[in-house]
């Protein structure tokens, strides 16, 4: 079983236990990025997390977006990058770009 399968299994177990769960997936990277495309993070409404989509503060921003997606039921596409002031705020000062798709589990 690979890392993403472990994350999906964990997310499935959380959902089966009654937790609201969202999955974040790195869909595109450019330049320096701590995690490759395909990396995943599972997040529950109660704040549990498994996996990783990046390092530093990006994880917190993605977790917040995941909770928003769970509340609204609407997927989100997040962009972090060097041309975005948010990049510095979330720790992407190394010159990379990262796109993350966040979707609530049904």
Protein backbone atom coordinates (compact mmCIF):
# COMPACT_ATOMS: atom_id res chain seq x y z
CA UNK A 1 0.00 0.00 0.00
CA UNK A 2 1.41 3.44 -0.89
CA UNK A 3 1.16 6.63 1.18
CA UNK A 4 -1.93 7.92 -0.65
CA UNK A 5 -3.73 4.60 -0.12
CA UNK A 6 -2.92 4.83 3.60
CA UNK A 7 -4.32 8.37 3.69
CA UNK A 8 -7.47 7.35 1.83
CA UNK A 9 -7.91 4.34 4.14
CA UNK A 10 -7.53 6.62 7.16
CA UNK A 11 -10.02 9.11 5.69
CA UNK A 12 -12.45 6.27 5.01
CA UNK A 13 -12.15 5.01 8.56
CA UNK A 14 -12.76 8.51 9.94
CA UNK A 15 -15.83 8.90 7.69
CA UNK A 16 -17.13 5.46 8.73
CA UNK A 17 -16.79 6.60 12.36
CA UNK A 18 -19.03 9.59 11.63
CA UNK A 19 -16.42 12.31 11.04
CA UNK A 20 -16.79 14.88 8.27
CA UNK A 21 -13.71 14.48 6.04
CA UNK A 22 -12.12 16.34 3.14
CA UNK A 23 -9.22 15.27 0.93
CA UNK A 24 -6.65 17.75 -0.40
CA UNK A 25 -4.54 16.67 -3.38
CA UNK A 26 -1.55 18.43 -4.95
CA UNK A 27 -2.53 18.69 -8.62
CA UNK A 28 0.32 20.83 -9.95
CA UNK A 29 3.72 22.13 -8.89
CA UNK A 30 6.30 24.42 -10.42
CA UNK A 31 9.80 25.15 -9.19
CA UNK A 32 10.65 24.26 -5.62
CA UNK A 33 7.87 22.31 -3.93
CA UNK A 34 8.21 20.13 -0.83
CA UNK A 35 5.70 17.50 -2.05
CA UNK A 36 5.08 16.18 -5.58
CA UNK A 37 1.82 16.20 -7.50
CA UNK A 38 -0.45 13.45 -6.20
CA UNK A 39 0.44 14.03 -2.54
CA UNK A 40 -2.60 14.05 -0.30
CA UNK A 41 -3.82 15.36 3.04
CA UNK A 42 -6.99 14.16 4.80
CA UNK A 43 -8.64 16.62 7.19
CA UNK A 44 -11.61 16.20 9.54
CA UNK A 45 -13.91 18.92 10.79
CA UNK A 46 -12.62 18.15 14.31
CA UNK A 47 -9.04 18.93 13.19
CA UNK A 48 -7.49 15.50 12.65
CA UNK A 49 -5.03 15.32 9.75
CA UNK A 50 -3.18 12.55 7.91
CA UNK A 51 -0.68 12.96 5.08
CA UNK A 52 0.89 16.12 3.70
CA UNK A 53 0.57 18.46 0.73
CA UNK A 54 3.45 20.75 1.64
CA UNK A 55 5.45 21.96 4.56
CA UNK A 56 5.11 24.83 6.94
CA UNK A 57 2.05 27.01 7.11
CA UNK A 58 0.55 25.83 3.82
CA UNK A 59 -0.81 22.80 5.68
CA UNK A 60 -2.78 25.14 7.97
CA UNK A 61 -4.17 27.15 5.06
CA UNK A 62 -5.20 23.94 3.27
CA UNK A 63 -6.79 22.57 6.47
CA UNK A 64 -8.81 25.79 6.84
CA UNK A 65 -9.94 25.54 3.20
CA UNK A 66 -10.87 21.88 3.77
CA UNK A 67 -13.10 22.86 6.68
CA UNK A 68 -14.72 25.54 4.51
CA UNK A 69 -15.29 22.94 1.78
CA UNK A 70 -16.89 20.55 4.29
CA UNK A 71 -19.20 23.31 5.56
CA UNK A 72 -20.25 24.42 2.06
CA UNK A 73 -20.08 21.04 0.30
CA UNK A 74 -18.18 22.77 -2.50
CA UNK A 75 -14.71 21.72 -3.72
CA UNK A 76 -11.98 24.36 -3.90
CA UNK A 77 -8.89 24.85 -6.05
CA UNK A 78 -6.13 26.63 -4.13
CA UNK A 79 -3.08 28.31 -5.65
CA UNK A 80 0.03 29.23 -3.70
CA UNK A 81 3.00 30.79 -5.42
CA UNK A 82 5.80 33.29 -5.60
CA UNK A 83 3.68 35.94 -7.32
CA UNK A 84 1.03 35.73 -4.61
CA UNK A 85 1.51 37.62 -1.33
CA UNK A 86 -0.11 34.62 0.34
CA UNK A 87 2.96 32.57 -0.60
CA UNK A 88 5.12 34.52 1.84
CA UNK A 89 2.46 34.30 4.53
CA UNK A 90 2.23 30.51 4.24
CA UNK A 91 5.93 29.78 3.83
CA UNK A 92 6.53 29.46 0.08
CA UNK A 93 9.36 31.96 -0.09
CA UNK A 94 11.59 29.39 -1.85
CA UNK A 95 10.32 30.24 -5.33
CA UNK A 96 7.78 27.51 -6.02
CA UNK A 97 4.14 27.28 -6.99
CA UNK A 98 1.63 24.77 -5.80
CA UNK A 99 -1.99 24.02 -6.77
CA UNK A 100 -4.11 21.96 -4.38
CA UNK A 101 -7.62 20.59 -5.02
CA UNK A 102 -9.72 20.24 -1.88
CA UNK A 103 -12.92 18.18 -1.90
CA UNK A 104 -15.27 17.07 0.87
CA UNK A 105 -16.04 13.34 1.00
CA UNK A 106 -19.69 12.50 0.40
